[in-house]
Every structure is written in structure tokens, then in C-alpha cells.
C-alpha atoms as a PDB file:
ATOM      1  CA  UNK A   1       4.295  39.557 -43.915  1.00  0.00           C
ATOM      2  CA  UNK A   2       5.463  36.232 -42.498  1.00  0.00           C
ATOM      3  CA  UNK A   3       6.864  37.973 -39.418  1.00  0.00           C
ATOM      4  CA  UNK A   4       3.569  39.776 -38.897  1.00  0.00           C
ATOM      5  CA  UNK A   5       1.770  36.420 -39.090  1.00  0.00           C
ATOM      6  CA  UNK A   6       4.155  34.935 -36.525  1.00  0.00           C
ATOM      7  CA  UNK A   7       3.539  37.925 -34.248  1.00  0.00           C
ATOM      8  CA  UNK A   8      -0.231  37.390 -34.437  1.00  0.00           C
ATOM      9  CA  UNK A   9       0.143  33.649 -33.685  1.00  0.00           C
ATOM     10  CA  UNK A  10       2.587  34.266 -30.844  1.00  0.00           C
ATOM     11  CA  UNK A  11       0.613  37.012 -29.115  1.00  0.00           C
ATOM     12  CA  UNK A  12      -2.765  35.292 -29.559  1.00  0.00           C
ATOM     13  CA  UNK A  13      -1.493  32.014 -28.173  1.00  0.00           C
ATOM     14  CA  UNK A  14       0.369  33.807 -25.391  1.00  0.00           C
ATOM     15  CA  UNK A  15      -2.785  35.605 -24.259  1.00  0.00           C
ATOM     16  CA  UNK A  16      -4.742  32.332 -24.257  1.00  0.00           C
ATOM     17  CA  UNK A  17      -2.129  30.501 -22.185  1.00  0.00           C
ATOM     18  CA  UNK A  18      -1.484  33.381 -19.776  1.00  0.00           C
ATOM     19  CA  UNK A  19      -5.220  33.779 -19.138  1.00  0.00           C
ATOM     20  CA  UNK A  20      -5.763  30.054 -18.584  1.00  0.00           C
ATOM     21  CA  UNK A  21      -2.713  29.906 -16.335  1.00  0.00           C
ATOM     22  CA  UNK A  22      -4.040  32.811 -14.251  1.00  0.00           C
ATOM     23  CA  UNK A  23      -7.331  30.944 -13.883  1.00  0.00           C
ATOM     24  CA  UNK A  24      -5.524  27.859 -12.635  1.00  0.00           C
ATOM     25  CA  UNK A  25      -2.935  29.585 -10.453  1.00  0.00           C
ATOM     26  CA  UNK A  26      -5.001  32.372  -8.875  1.00  0.00           C
ATOM     27  CA  UNK A  27      -8.648  31.705  -9.663  1.00  0.00           C
ATOM     28  CA  UNK A  28      -8.857  34.781 -11.887  1.00  0.00           C
ATOM     29  CA  UNK A  29     -11.446  35.058 -14.670  1.00  0.00           C
ATOM     30  CA  UNK A  30     -13.702  32.512 -12.946  1.00  0.00           C
ATOM     31  CA  UNK A  31     -11.002  29.845 -12.745  1.00  0.00           C
ATOM     32  CA  UNK A  32     -10.634  27.152 -10.105  1.00  0.00           C
ATOM     33  CA  UNK A  33      -7.446  28.430  -8.493  1.00  0.00           C
ATOM     34  CA  UNK A  34      -4.586  26.153  -7.586  1.00  0.00           C
ATOM     35  CA  UNK A  35      -6.633  24.134  -5.085  1.00  0.00           C
ATOM     36  CA  UNK A  36      -9.449  23.449  -7.517  1.00  0.00           C
ATOM     37  CA  UNK A  37      -7.026  22.665 -10.320  1.00  0.00           C
ATOM     38  CA  UNK A  38      -5.115  20.297  -8.045  1.00  0.00           C
ATOM     39  CA  UNK A  39      -8.355  18.524  -7.142  1.00  0.00           C
ATOM     40  CA  UNK A  40      -9.181  18.135 -10.832  1.00  0.00           C
ATOM     41  CA  UNK A  41      -5.742  16.611 -11.480  1.00  0.00           C
ATOM     42  CA  UNK A  42      -6.226  14.275  -8.534  1.00  0.00           C
ATOM     43  CA  UNK A  43      -9.525  13.144 -10.047  1.00  0.00           C
ATOM     44  CA  UNK A  44      -7.682  12.387 -13.281  1.00  0.00           C
ATOM     45  CA  UNK A  45      -5.324  10.071 -11.411  1.00  0.00           C
ATOM     46  CA  UNK A  46      -2.216  12.256 -11.209  1.00  0.00           C
ATOM     47  CA  UNK A  47       0.220  11.424  -8.432  1.00  0.00           C
ATOM     48  CA  UNK A  48       1.304  14.550  -6.527  1.00  0.00           C
ATOM     49  CA  UNK A  49      -1.501  16.640  -8.024  1.00  0.00           C
ATOM     50  CA  UNK A  50      -0.577  19.826  -6.144  1.00  0.00           C
ATOM     51  CA  UNK A  51       2.968  19.774  -7.535  1.00  0.00           C
ATOM     52  CA  UNK A  52       1.644  19.156 -11.058  1.00  0.00           C
ATOM     53  CA  UNK A  53      -0.947  21.903 -10.603  1.00  0.00           C
ATOM     54  CA  UNK A  54       1.721  24.463  -9.736  1.00  0.00           C
ATOM     55  CA  UNK A  55       3.985  23.295 -12.543  1.00  0.00           C
ATOM     56  CA  UNK A  56       1.238  23.381 -15.180  1.00  0.00           C
ATOM     57  CA  UNK A  57      -0.324  26.662 -14.037  1.00  0.00           C
ATOM     58  CA  UNK A  58       2.943  28.568 -13.865  1.00  0.00           C
ATOM     59  CA  UNK A  59       4.161  27.053 -17.136  1.00  0.00           C
ATOM     60  CA  UNK A  60       1.022  28.432 -18.755  1.00  0.00           C
ATOM     61  CA  UNK A  61       1.398  31.877 -17.149  1.00  0.00           C
ATOM     62  CA  UNK A  62       5.108  32.283 -17.838  1.00  0.00           C
ATOM     63  CA  UNK A  63       5.019  30.492 -21.200  1.00  0.00           C
ATOM     64  CA  UNK A  64       2.178  32.758 -22.279  1.00  0.00           C
ATOM     65  CA  UNK A  65       4.037  35.887 -21.209  1.00  0.00           C
ATOM     66  CA  UNK A  66       7.201  34.713 -22.966  1.00  0.00           C
ATOM     67  CA  UNK A  67       5.248  34.069 -26.166  1.00  0.00           C
ATOM     68  CA  UNK A  68       3.688  37.537 -26.026  1.00  0.00           C
ATOM     69  CA  UNK A  69       7.119  39.097 -25.646  1.00  0.00           C
ATOM     70  CA  UNK A  70       8.887  36.790 -28.075  1.00  0.00           C
ATOM     71  CA  UNK A  71      11.339  35.555 -25.450  1.00  0.00           C
ATOM     72  CA  UNK A  72      12.278  31.866 -25.191  1.00  0.00           C
ATOM     73  CA  UNK A  73       9.643  31.244 -27.873  1.00  0.00           C
ATOM     74  CA  UNK A  74      10.724  27.781 -28.966  1.00  0.00           C
ATOM     75  CA  UNK A  75      11.329  26.493 -25.442  1.00  0.00           C
ATOM     76  CA  UNK A  76       8.039  27.918 -24.224  1.00  0.00           C
ATOM     77  CA  UNK A  77       6.201  26.404 -27.187  1.00  0.00           C
ATOM     78  CA  UNK A  78       7.745  22.984 -26.447  1.00  0.00           C
ATOM     79  CA  UNK A  79       6.622  23.070 -22.804  1.00  0.00           C
ATOM     80  CA  UNK A  80       3.154  24.323 -23.734  1.00  0.00           C
ATOM     81  CA  UNK A  81       2.857  21.651 -26.442  1.00  0.00           C
ATOM     82  CA  UNK A  82       3.650  18.994 -23.830  1.00  0.00           C
ATOM     83  CA  UNK A  83       0.894  20.418 -21.603  1.00  0.00           C
ATOM     84  CA  UNK A  84      -1.573  20.268 -24.476  1.00  0.00           C
ATOM     85  CA  UNK A  85      -0.662  16.689 -25.381  1.00  0.00           C
ATOM     86  CA  UNK A  86      -1.193  15.670 -21.740  1.00  0.00           C
ATOM     87  CA  UNK A  87      -4.537  17.521 -21.684  1.00  0.00           C
ATOM     88  CA  UNK A  88      -5.627  15.766 -24.868  1.00  0.00           C
ATOM     89  CA  UNK A  89      -4.595  12.342 -23.552  1.00  0.00           C
ATOM     90  CA  UNK A  90      -5.935  12.708 -20.002  1.00  0.00           C
ATOM     91  CA  UNK A  91      -9.027  14.883 -20.488  1.00  0.00           C
ATOM     92  CA  UNK A  92     -10.276  15.032 -24.062  1.00  0.00           C
ATOM     93  CA  UNK A  93      -9.391  11.889 -26.018  1.00  0.00           C
ATOM     94  CA  UNK A  94     -12.228   9.779 -24.615  1.00  0.00           C
ATOM     95  CA  UNK A  95     -14.794  12.451 -25.486  1.00  0.00           C
ATOM     96  CA  UNK A  96     -14.259  12.434 -29.221  1.00  0.00           C
ATOM     97  CA  UNK A  97     -13.033  15.270 -31.390  1.00  0.00           C
ATOM     98  CA  UNK A  98     -15.639  18.012 -31.220  1.00  0.00           C
ATOM     99  CA  UNK A  99     -15.541  20.675 -28.527  1.00  0.00           C
ATOM    100  CA  UNK A 100     -19.293  20.562 -27.915  1.00  0.00           C
ATOM    101  CA  UNK A 101     -18.863  17.086 -26.405  1.00  0.00           C
ATOM    102  CA  UNK A 102     -15.693  18.027 -24.494  1.00  0.00           C
ATOM    103  CA  UNK A 103     -13.453  16.612 -27.207  1.00  0.00           C
ATOM    104  CA  UNK A 104      -9.963  17.512 -28.314  1.00  0.00           C
ATOM    105  CA  UNK A 105     -10.801  20.006 -31.090  1.00  0.00           C
ATOM    106  CA  UNK A 106      -9.711  23.151 -29.193  1.00  0.00           C
ATOM    107  CA  UNK A 107      -6.656  21.535 -27.592  1.00  0.00           C
ATOM    108  CA  UNK A 108      -5.670  20.131 -30.991  1.00  0.00           C
ATOM    109  CA  UNK A 109      -5.529  23.543 -32.680  1.00  0.00           C
ATOM    110  CA  UNK A 110      -3.655  25.031 -29.708  1.00  0.00           C
ATOM    111  CA  UNK A 111      -1.116  22.191 -29.942  1.00  0.00           C
ATOM    112  CA  UNK A 112      -0.792  22.804 -33.688  1.00  0.00           C
ATOM    113  CA  UNK A 113       0.032  26.476 -33.109  1.00  0.00           C
ATOM    114  CA  UNK A 114       2.625  25.494 -30.473  1.00  0.00           C
ATOM    115  CA  UNK A 115       4.137  23.060 -32.964  1.00  0.00           C
ATOM    116  CA  UNK A 116       4.224  25.784 -35.617  1.00  0.00           C
ATOM    117  CA  UNK A 117       5.994  28.239 -33.308  1.00  0.00           C
ATOM    118  CA  UNK A 118       8.624  25.624 -32.454  1.00  0.00           C
ATOM    119  CA  UNK A 119       9.615  25.607 -36.112  1.00  0.00           C
ATOM    120  CA  UNK A 120       9.117  29.295 -36.910  1.00  0.00           C
ATOM    121  CA  UNK A 121      10.623  30.820 -33.771  1.00  0.00           C
ATOM    122  CA  UNK A 122       9.737  34.305 -32.519  1.00  0.00           C
ATOM    123  CA  UNK A 123       9.951  36.142 -35.827  1.00  0.00           C
ATOM    124  CA  UNK A 124      11.309  39.612 -36.428  1.00  0.00           C
ATOM    125  CA  UNK A 125       8.856  41.426 -34.130  1.00  0.00           C
ATOM    126  CA  UNK A 126      10.049  40.145 -30.757  1.00  0.00           C
ATOM    127  CA  UNK A 127      12.029  41.393 -27.813  1.00  0.00           C
ATOM    128  CA  UNK A 128      14.686  38.790 -28.509  1.00  0.00           C
ATOM    129  CA  UNK A 129      15.246  40.467 -31.886  1.00  0.00           C
ATOM    130  CA  UNK A 130      14.681  43.951 -30.418  1.00  0.00           C
ATOM    131  CA  UNK A 131      12.279  44.853 -33.207  1.00  0.00           C
END
């Protein structure tokens, strides 16, 4: 049952990150695309916002896909956790905790799942373990 739980966490988180990455990279699902995301990062004070936009967007897309497949699970979770910590610190921390006010609630639970997957790994039901 533990491996089934890990599979659910991995795939759910992977879908969330892949979808958000596709919004940022390509403007899919109503997202800003790379230009809009870069402008947002610039507004947050990032140096070289276009480079950071590409790095973050493609980390989310590829990290999400890797989580879904159960490949490079721990490494992907580490990189995605770093993205979430940066998002919390740069975007959400000043808005309190609750999501309704733009706070860190959602990012916090996503970071917690990343943290969990770092320790648990991909589980039995993954391509790395070939089912």
C-alpha cells in the first residue's frame, strides 16, 4: 500500500508541475508564456529574468514528467523543492499563509510533497523499477 501511496503522490505532483511548466514555457492552459513569466520575474527583482524563466519553466515541465514516470524522482523533487522555496520567499511570504490572500498555503503543501518524495524515492511502481 505504501508504494501505491507514493505513486499517487508522484503522479499528482508531476501533473501539477508539468501543467504549470507548460503554462510558463508555452502559454498553454491560459498561462503567461515565457515572455510573460520573464516579465513577472523581472518585476520581482530577478537579474537575468529570461534565463531564470527558461530554467524554472523547463525544470517544472521536465521535473513533472520525471515524477510521473518515476525517473530521477529524488533529483527532480530536490529541484522542484528549490523552486517552491524561491516562490514562497519571493512571491507569497509577504501575503500571509492563506491562499485566498495570495499566501504560501498552496506552495507550502507542494513543497512538503517534494520533501516527502526526496525521502521516499519513486516507489515500486515506477519506470526506474520497471514495475
